[in-house]
């Protein structure tokens, strides 16, 4: 019997390896393409510290509401048509700012434009503040705004900064030395934490692609993953938002603590980029931060945390943290960070909670739908105008109040 199993394994192994090889080949081939992609297959062009869409490309998107539309990228690889070189606002942020799931006429950037301001949208899917620091440094060579609006997603931007690019290269180019003591530098990460970093940063994108293109890999993964799931909670899902809700400063989770420190570094770098830009060009570009809440934070439901339903251990993990969970924690942390750095901060969390009944997010997608885009953009515009960040020639639109939704 053992011999039979051995020979069956020997016979089947080459086919499995060939199938997996085809998946790897397709992964490497597709990752180097810069042209427009098929329906909802979004292609990115990678730079050293961030990524963007292929310049002057067009992608066809069908969103959860079954609307099909085209998303155009400009010559810099960001979602703008046309480019405004001297806008009132330059938007930084992740997928909420980029808004790939929303038609041009309904995006956060377009609603701001409808209010009477000119906008350049440098938002990019999956980026955190560390990536956006590099984006800002590069894009300010071409775009010259009055205000930089950093849209910070409270759902995962802290976590994205944990795995984001190192800022040392940028710090050196800016001659920036931090006086802040890195309190975690002497705290060693556990082997489990190191494994999490490795899985998320290197293996998970490959795993996701292989599961799409290699049926054999899909079968093998499905069979083996239950044996590792309880031992490795990162296999399916990072649980970072759950950890952030439960963050305690007196007994901090080291990964979340490092995420906050990396975010502070990113803010320091972005402020220095703008300061140097102003000195060089004799301008007065201002930086403001907007806090974008997750659906889970708005309706105070752990089940709306990204991937909660697909993570078999998420329920028991969240139960173990239940006494510490506070849905306002990410917002409080960001508000305190901005206050320490003297950066004006506007949180959308209270507003979204007041209007949660309007249905501001997609059901499955967990991003804003057009209603969320509209209410966010109008509120941000009103805050910018009333706080004096926009020049007096721009009149406050009568449609900037929530009562006009």
Protein backbone atom coordinates (compact mmCIF):
# COMPACT_ATOMS: atom_id res chain seq x y z
CA UNK A 1 0.00 0.00 0.00
CA UNK A 2 2.83 2.38 0.87
CA UNK A 3 4.49 1.64 -2.47
CA UNK A 4 1.24 2.36 -4.31
CA UNK A 5 0.85 5.70 -2.53
CA UNK A 6 4.47 6.49 -3.25
CA UNK A 7 4.11 5.81 -6.98
CA UNK A 8 0.83 7.74 -7.16
CA UNK A 9 2.54 10.68 -5.51
CA UNK A 10 5.46 10.44 -7.96
CA UNK A 11 3.08 10.36 -10.91
CA UNK A 12 0.89 13.23 -9.72
CA UNK A 13 3.69 15.50 -8.43
CA UNK A 14 4.92 16.67 -11.88
CA UNK A 15 1.40 17.77 -12.86
CA UNK A 16 0.96 19.66 -9.60
CA UNK A 17 4.33 21.36 -9.97
CA UNK A 18 3.58 22.27 -13.58
CA UNK A 19 0.22 23.77 -12.61
CA UNK A 20 1.79 25.78 -9.81
CA UNK A 21 4.58 26.85 -12.20
CA UNK A 22 1.96 28.16 -14.63
CA UNK A 23 0.42 30.20 -11.81
CA UNK A 24 3.82 31.67 -10.88
CA UNK A 25 4.56 32.45 -14.53
CA UNK A 26 1.23 34.26 -14.93
CA UNK A 27 1.85 36.16 -11.68
CA UNK A 28 5.23 37.40 -12.90
CA UNK A 29 3.90 38.14 -16.37
CA UNK A 30 0.85 40.09 -15.19
CA UNK A 31 2.79 42.06 -12.57
CA UNK A 32 4.97 43.59 -15.31
CA UNK A 33 2.10 44.72 -17.55
CA UNK A 34 1.35 48.45 -17.62
CA UNK A 35 -1.56 48.56 -20.06
CA UNK A 36 -5.26 48.75 -19.28
CA UNK A 37 -6.65 45.64 -17.62
CA UNK A 38 -9.81 43.60 -18.21
CA UNK A 39 -13.00 44.23 -16.25
CA UNK A 40 -12.20 45.00 -12.60
CA UNK A 41 -8.70 43.60 -12.97
CA UNK A 42 -6.84 46.68 -11.79
CA UNK A 43 -3.21 47.00 -12.84
CA UNK A 44 -0.62 48.98 -10.92
CA UNK A 45 2.79 50.26 -11.90
CA UNK A 46 5.29 49.94 -9.06
CA UNK A 47 7.87 52.48 -8.04
CA UNK A 48 10.49 52.08 -5.33
CA UNK A 49 8.27 53.18 -2.43
CA UNK A 50 4.71 53.20 -3.79
CA UNK A 51 2.58 52.33 -6.79
CA UNK A 52 0.14 54.05 -9.12
CA UNK A 53 -1.96 53.24 -12.17
CA UNK A 54 -0.20 52.93 -15.50
CA UNK A 55 0.10 56.49 -16.86
CA UNK A 56 -2.64 57.54 -19.29
CA UNK A 57 -4.45 54.21 -18.84
CA UNK A 58 -8.15 53.34 -18.75
CA UNK A 59 -9.74 50.65 -16.56
CA UNK A 60 -13.29 49.34 -16.83
CA UNK A 61 -15.00 48.93 -13.46
CA UNK A 62 -18.31 47.37 -12.41
CA UNK A 63 -19.23 48.22 -8.83
CA UNK A 64 -21.51 46.53 -6.30
CA UNK A 65 -24.51 48.48 -7.59
CA UNK A 66 -23.85 46.94 -11.03
CA UNK A 67 -22.82 50.25 -12.61
CA UNK A 68 -20.12 49.91 -15.26
CA UNK A 69 -17.87 52.87 -16.01
CA UNK A 70 -14.35 53.87 -17.07
CA UNK A 71 -11.63 55.08 -14.72
CA UNK A 72 -8.96 57.18 -16.41
CA UNK A 73 -5.46 57.73 -15.06
CA UNK A 74 -3.46 60.84 -15.93
CA UNK A 75 0.15 60.94 -17.12
CA UNK A 76 1.35 60.68 -13.50
CA UNK A 77 -0.72 57.54 -12.87
CA UNK A 78 -3.44 59.06 -10.65
CA UNK A 79 -7.18 59.44 -11.21
CA UNK A 80 -7.54 62.87 -12.81
CA UNK A 81 -9.14 63.94 -16.07
CA UNK A 82 -8.00 66.58 -16.82
CA UNK A 83 -4.94 67.52 -14.75
CA UNK A 84 -5.11 70.79 -12.82
CA UNK A 85 -1.53 71.88 -12.16
CA UNK A 86 -2.38 74.64 -9.65
CA UNK A 87 -5.37 73.30 -7.70
CA UNK A 88 -6.87 74.59 -4.48
CA UNK A 89 -6.61 71.08 -3.00
CA UNK A 90 -4.23 68.16 -3.43
CA UNK A 91 -5.79 65.00 -2.02
CA UNK A 92 -3.71 62.22 -0.51
CA UNK A 93 -5.26 58.98 0.70
CA UNK A 94 -6.05 55.37 -0.08
CA UNK A 95 -8.93 53.68 -1.92
CA UNK A 96 -11.52 55.93 -0.23
CA UNK A 97 -9.87 58.94 -1.85
CA UNK A 98 -9.14 57.25 -5.17
CA UNK A 99 -12.73 55.89 -5.26
CA UNK A 100 -12.28 53.26 -7.96
CA UNK A 101 -15.73 51.85 -7.16
CA UNK A 102 -17.49 55.15 -7.93
CA UNK A 103 -18.30 56.92 -11.19
CA UNK A 104 -16.39 60.13 -11.89
CA UNK A 105 -19.44 62.34 -11.32
CA UNK A 106 -19.96 61.00 -7.77
CA UNK A 107 -16.43 60.72 -6.38
CA UNK A 108 -15.17 62.53 -3.31
CA UNK A 109 -12.85 64.58 -5.54
CA UNK A 110 -15.61 65.48 -8.01
CA UNK A 111 -18.09 66.51 -5.31
CA UNK A 112 -15.42 68.85 -3.94
CA UNK A 113 -15.00 70.19 -7.48
CA UNK A 114 -18.75 70.70 -7.72
CA UNK A 115 -18.54 72.88 -4.59
CA UNK A 116 -16.33 75.30 -6.50
CA UNK A 117 -12.76 74.23 -5.69
CA UNK A 118 -10.14 72.84 -8.04
CA UNK A 119 -8.74 69.44 -7.04
CA UNK A 120 -5.87 67.12 -7.89
CA UNK A 121 -6.55 63.58 -6.66
CA UNK A 122 -3.34 61.75 -5.68
CA UNK A 123 -5.22 59.05 -3.76
CA UNK A 124 -4.07 55.50 -4.43
CA UNK A 125 -5.49 52.12 -3.44
CA UNK A 126 -3.83 50.31 -0.55
CA UNK A 127 -1.43 53.05 0.44
CA UNK A 128 -0.73 54.30 3.95
CA UNK A 129 0.78 57.56 5.15
CA UNK A 130 4.34 56.30 4.62
CA UNK A 131 3.61 55.59 0.94
CA UNK A 132 1.83 58.94 0.64
CA UNK A 133 4.88 60.81 1.92
CA UNK A 134 6.82 59.52 -1.08
CA UNK A 135 3.89 60.28 -3.40
CA UNK A 136 3.72 63.87 -2.11
CA UNK A 137 7.45 64.40 -2.58
CA UNK A 138 7.21 63.30 -6.21
CA UNK A 139 3.90 64.91 -7.14
CA UNK A 140 4.82 68.37 -5.81
CA UNK A 141 7.27 68.59 -8.70
CA UNK A 142 4.24 68.75 -11.03
CA UNK A 143 1.24 69.88 -8.97
CA UNK A 144 1.22 73.09 -6.92
CA UNK A 145 -1.72 73.25 -4.50
CA UNK A 146 -2.88 75.69 -1.84
CA UNK A 147 -3.83 72.97 0.64
CA UNK A 148 -2.74 69.35 1.03
CA UNK A 149 -5.63 67.26 2.38
CA UNK A 150 -4.38 64.02 3.90
CA UNK A 151 -7.35 61.66 4.11
CA UNK A 152 -6.47 59.13 6.80
CA UNK A 153 -8.55 55.92 6.82
CA UNK A 154 -9.12 55.05 10.47
CA UNK A 155 -9.81 51.44 9.52
CA UNK A 156 -6.32 50.37 8.45
CA UNK A 157 -3.95 53.29 7.75
CA UNK A 158 -2.17 52.86 11.08
CA UNK A 159 -1.64 49.22 10.18
CA UNK A 160 -0.57 50.07 6.61
CA UNK A 161 2.12 52.29 8.11
CA UNK A 162 3.44 49.32 10.09
CA UNK A 163 4.07 47.49 6.82
CA UNK A 164 4.71 50.61 4.77
CA UNK A 165 8.03 51.65 3.23
CA UNK A 166 10.88 52.79 5.40
CA UNK A 167 11.16 56.58 5.51
CA UNK A 168 14.90 56.75 6.08
CA UNK A 169 15.70 57.52 2.43
CA UNK A 170 13.21 60.36 2.41
CA UNK A 171 14.42 61.66 5.77
CA UNK A 172 17.98 61.79 4.50
CA UNK A 173 16.95 63.65 1.36
CA UNK A 174 15.15 66.19 3.57
CA UNK A 175 17.97 66.38 6.14
CA UNK A 176 15.37 65.44 8.71
CA UNK A 177 16.50 64.07 12.04
CA UNK A 178 13.89 63.01 14.54
CA UNK A 179 14.29 64.05 18.17
CA UNK A 180 11.57 61.64 19.17
CA UNK A 181 12.91 58.61 20.95
CA UNK A 182 11.83 55.38 19.30
CA UNK A 183 10.47 53.63 22.37
CA UNK A 184 10.02 50.36 20.53
CA UNK A 185 13.57 50.17 19.17
CA UNK A 186 14.70 48.16 22.15
CA UNK A 187 11.61 45.99 22.21
CA UNK A 188 12.16 42.80 20.27
CA UNK A 189 9.41 41.42 18.16
CA UNK A 190 8.38 37.87 18.94
CA UNK A 191 8.99 35.12 16.37
CA UNK A 192 5.23 35.08 15.77
CA UNK A 193 5.27 38.81 15.00
CA UNK A 194 8.15 38.38 12.57
CA UNK A 195 6.26 35.61 10.82
CA UNK A 196 3.21 37.88 10.51
CA UNK A 197 5.33 40.57 8.86
CA UNK A 198 6.74 38.04 6.42
CA UNK A 199 3.33 36.59 5.52
CA UNK A 200 1.61 39.93 4.99
CA UNK A 201 4.41 41.73 3.20
CA UNK A 202 5.68 38.95 0.93
CA UNK A 203 3.52 35.87 0.72
CA UNK A 204 -0.11 36.98 0.87
CA UNK A 205 -0.21 38.84 -2.51
CA UNK A 206 1.38 35.81 -4.19
CA UNK A 207 -1.02 33.45 -2.41
CA UNK A 208 -4.05 35.44 -3.55
CA UNK A 209 -2.85 35.47 -7.15
CA UNK A 210 -1.99 31.77 -7.15
CA UNK A 211 -5.44 30.91 -5.84
CA UNK A 212 -6.89 32.77 -8.81
CA UNK A 213 -4.74 31.13 -11.48
CA UNK A 214 -3.71 27.72 -10.17
CA UNK A 215 -6.55 25.27 -9.39
CA UNK A 216 -4.09 22.79 -7.86
CA UNK A 217 -2.69 25.42 -5.53
CA UNK A 218 -6.24 26.36 -4.55
CA UNK A 219 -7.07 22.77 -3.62
CA UNK A 220 -3.83 22.25 -1.69
CA UNK A 221 -4.27 25.56 0.19
CA UNK A 222 -7.85 24.75 1.15
CA UNK A 223 -6.80 21.35 2.49
CA UNK A 224 -3.77 22.54 4.44
CA UNK A 225 -4.88 25.93 5.78
CA UNK A 226 -7.14 24.58 8.58
CA UNK A 227 -4.11 22.88 10.16
CA UNK A 228 -2.28 26.21 10.39
CA UNK A 229 -5.14 28.64 10.95
CA UNK A 230 -5.27 28.47 14.74
CA UNK A 231 -1.49 28.62 15.01
CA UNK A 232 -1.15 31.48 12.55
CA UNK A 233 -3.93 34.02 12.89
CA UNK A 234 -2.42 36.06 10.05
CA UNK A 235 -3.04 33.36 7.43
CA UNK A 236 -6.41 34.78 6.46
CA UNK A 237 -6.60 38.13 8.12
CA UNK A 238 -4.43 40.50 10.12
CA UNK A 239 -7.04 41.53 12.75
CA UNK A 240 -5.33 44.90 13.03
CA UNK A 241 -8.55 46.90 13.37
CA UNK A 242 -9.68 44.67 16.24
CA UNK A 243 -6.33 45.18 17.94
CA UNK A 244 -6.57 48.93 17.37
CA UNK A 245 -10.00 49.07 19.03
CA UNK A 246 -8.49 47.34 22.07
CA UNK A 247 -5.27 49.37 22.22
CA UNK A 248 -4.22 50.35 25.74
CA UNK A 249 -1.35 52.79 26.23
CA UNK A 250 -0.36 51.30 29.58
CA UNK A 251 -0.17 47.75 28.15
CA UNK A 252 0.29 48.37 24.42
CA UNK A 253 0.28 45.80 21.65
CA UNK A 254 3.81 46.22 20.24
CA UNK A 255 2.71 46.06 16.60
CA UNK A 256 0.04 48.74 17.08
CA UNK A 257 2.48 50.84 19.07
CA UNK A 258 4.98 50.61 16.21
CA UNK A 259 2.21 51.49 13.75
CA UNK A 260 1.53 54.70 15.67
CA UNK A 261 5.23 55.55 15.79
CA UNK A 262 5.59 54.99 12.05
CA UNK A 263 2.55 57.19 11.47
CA UNK A 264 4.12 59.94 13.58
CA UNK A 265 7.30 59.66 11.51
CA UNK A 266 5.27 59.91 8.30
CA UNK A 267 3.54 63.06 9.53
CA UNK A 268 6.93 64.58 10.42
CA UNK A 269 8.21 63.83 6.93
CA UNK A 270 5.11 65.20 5.17
CA UNK A 271 5.30 68.41 7.20
CA UNK A 272 9.00 68.77 6.29
CA UNK A 273 8.24 68.18 2.59
CA UNK A 274 5.67 70.98 2.66
CA UNK A 275 7.93 73.28 4.71
CA UNK A 276 10.80 72.85 2.23
CA UNK A 277 8.42 73.32 -0.70
CA UNK A 278 7.13 76.58 0.79
CA UNK A 279 10.64 77.91 1.41
CA UNK A 280 11.80 77.00 -2.08
CA UNK A 281 8.79 78.48 -3.86
CA UNK A 282 7.89 81.28 -1.43
CA UNK A 283 4.42 79.81 -0.98
CA UNK A 284 2.15 79.01 1.95
CA UNK A 285 0.84 75.52 1.26
CA UNK A 286 -1.07 74.22 4.28
CA UNK A 287 -1.55 70.65 5.53
CA UNK A 288 -4.78 69.36 7.04
CA UNK A 289 -5.85 65.85 8.00
CA UNK A 290 -9.31 64.32 7.55
CA UNK A 291 -10.22 61.19 9.52
CA UNK A 292 -12.23 58.69 7.45
CA UNK A 293 -14.09 56.17 9.63
CA UNK A 294 -14.63 52.52 8.78
CA UNK A 295 -18.12 51.08 8.54
CA UNK A 296 -17.42 49.10 11.73
CA UNK A 297 -16.61 52.30 13.62
CA UNK A 298 -19.69 54.11 12.33
CA UNK A 299 -22.27 51.48 13.31
CA UNK A 300 -20.16 50.03 16.15
CA UNK A 301 -20.23 46.47 14.84
CA UNK A 302 -17.25 44.14 14.88
CA UNK A 303 -18.86 42.08 12.14
CA UNK A 304 -18.28 44.97 9.73
CA UNK A 305 -14.52 44.77 10.25
CA UNK A 306 -12.88 43.79 6.96
CA UNK A 307 -12.69 40.00 6.47
CA UNK A 308 -14.27 39.28 9.86
CA UNK A 309 -16.70 36.79 8.33
CA UNK A 310 -13.97 34.83 6.51
CA UNK A 311 -11.68 34.57 9.53
CA UNK A 312 -12.79 31.50 11.46
CA UNK A 313 -11.02 32.65 14.61
CA UNK A 314 -12.07 36.31 14.52
CA UNK A 315 -15.07 35.85 16.81
CA UNK A 316 -13.14 34.15 19.60
CA UNK A 317 -10.27 36.61 19.15
CA UNK A 318 -12.59 39.60 19.48
CA UNK A 319 -14.31 38.02 22.49
CA UNK A 320 -10.95 37.85 24.24
CA UNK A 321 -10.61 41.63 23.77
CA UNK A 322 -14.23 42.58 24.41
CA UNK A 323 -13.68 44.38 27.71
CA UNK A 324 -11.06 46.64 26.08
CA UNK A 325 -12.73 47.39 22.76
CA UNK A 326 -13.58 51.02 22.04
CA UNK A 327 -14.67 51.95 18.50
CA UNK A 328 -13.46 55.53 19.04
CA UNK A 329 -9.84 54.58 19.78
CA UNK A 330 -8.39 55.08 16.25
CA UNK A 331 -10.05 58.49 16.02
CA UNK A 332 -8.72 59.56 19.43
CA UNK A 333 -5.21 58.38 18.56
CA UNK A 334 -5.16 60.30 15.29
CA UNK A 335 -6.63 63.44 16.87
CA UNK A 336 -3.92 63.38 19.57
CA UNK A 337 -1.19 62.79 16.99
CA UNK A 338 -2.38 65.76 14.91
CA UNK A 339 -2.62 67.97 18.00
CA UNK A 340 0.99 67.15 18.96
CA UNK A 341 2.13 68.02 15.43
CA UNK A 342 -0.05 71.19 15.25
CA UNK A 343 -1.93 69.82 12.23
CA UNK A 344 -5.61 70.83 11.86
CA UNK A 345 -7.79 67.72 12.10
CA UNK A 346 -11.36 67.12 10.98
CA UNK A 347 -12.99 63.79 11.82
CA UNK A 348 -15.91 62.49 9.78
CA UNK A 349 -16.78 59.90 12.46
CA UNK A 350 -19.43 61.93 14.40
CA UNK A 351 -21.06 63.07 11.17
CA UNK A 352 -21.22 59.57 9.71
CA UNK A 353 -22.71 58.18 12.91
CA UNK A 354 -25.41 60.85 12.84
CA UNK A 355 -26.27 59.90 9.26
CA UNK A 356 -25.64 56.15 9.36
CA UNK A 357 -29.26 55.52 8.45
CA UNK A 358 -28.71 57.01 4.99
CA UNK A 359 -26.68 53.94 3.96
CA UNK A 360 -23.27 55.53 3.31
CA UNK A 361 -21.30 52.34 2.58
CA UNK A 362 -21.68 49.46 0.18
CA UNK A 363 -22.98 46.27 1.74
CA UNK A 364 -20.13 43.93 0.77
CA UNK A 365 -17.49 46.37 -0.40
CA UNK A 366 -17.22 48.28 2.93
CA UNK A 367 -16.14 51.43 1.04
CA UNK A 368 -18.27 54.55 0.66
CA UNK A 369 -20.99 54.47 -1.94
CA UNK A 370 -21.95 57.68 -3.75
CA UNK A 371 -23.92 58.87 -0.71
CA UNK A 372 -20.88 58.49 1.52
CA UNK A 373 -18.66 60.26 -1.02
CA UNK A 374 -21.10 63.15 -1.22
CA UNK A 375 -21.68 63.67 2.49
CA UNK A 376 -17.92 63.44 3.18
CA UNK A 377 -16.88 65.86 0.45
CA UNK A 378 -19.53 68.45 1.33
CA UNK A 379 -18.62 68.31 5.02
CA UNK A 380 -14.88 68.61 4.31
CA UNK A 381 -15.48 71.52 1.96
CA UNK A 382 -17.59 73.32 4.54
CA UNK A 383 -14.97 72.78 7.25
CA UNK A 384 -12.12 73.98 4.98
CA UNK A 385 -14.07 77.08 4.00
CA UNK A 386 -15.26 78.02 7.47
CA UNK A 387 -11.80 77.34 8.98
CA UNK A 388 -10.14 79.73 6.53
CA UNK A 389 -8.12 77.18 4.56
CA UNK A 390 -9.69 78.19 1.25
CA UNK A 391 -9.32 81.70 -0.16
CA UNK A 392 -12.20 84.15 0.10
CA UNK A 393 -12.91 84.10 -3.65
CA UNK A 394 -14.49 80.67 -3.20
CA UNK A 395 -18.05 81.10 -2.00
CA UNK A 396 -19.66 78.67 0.40
CA UNK A 397 -22.11 76.61 -1.61
CA UNK A 398 -25.72 76.57 -0.38
CA UNK A 399 -25.63 72.81 -0.98
CA UNK A 400 -22.88 72.13 1.55
CA UNK A 401 -25.19 71.29 4.43
CA UNK A 402 -26.35 67.80 5.31
CA UNK A 403 -29.96 68.92 5.11
CA UNK A 404 -29.54 69.14 1.34
CA UNK A 405 -28.62 65.46 0.97
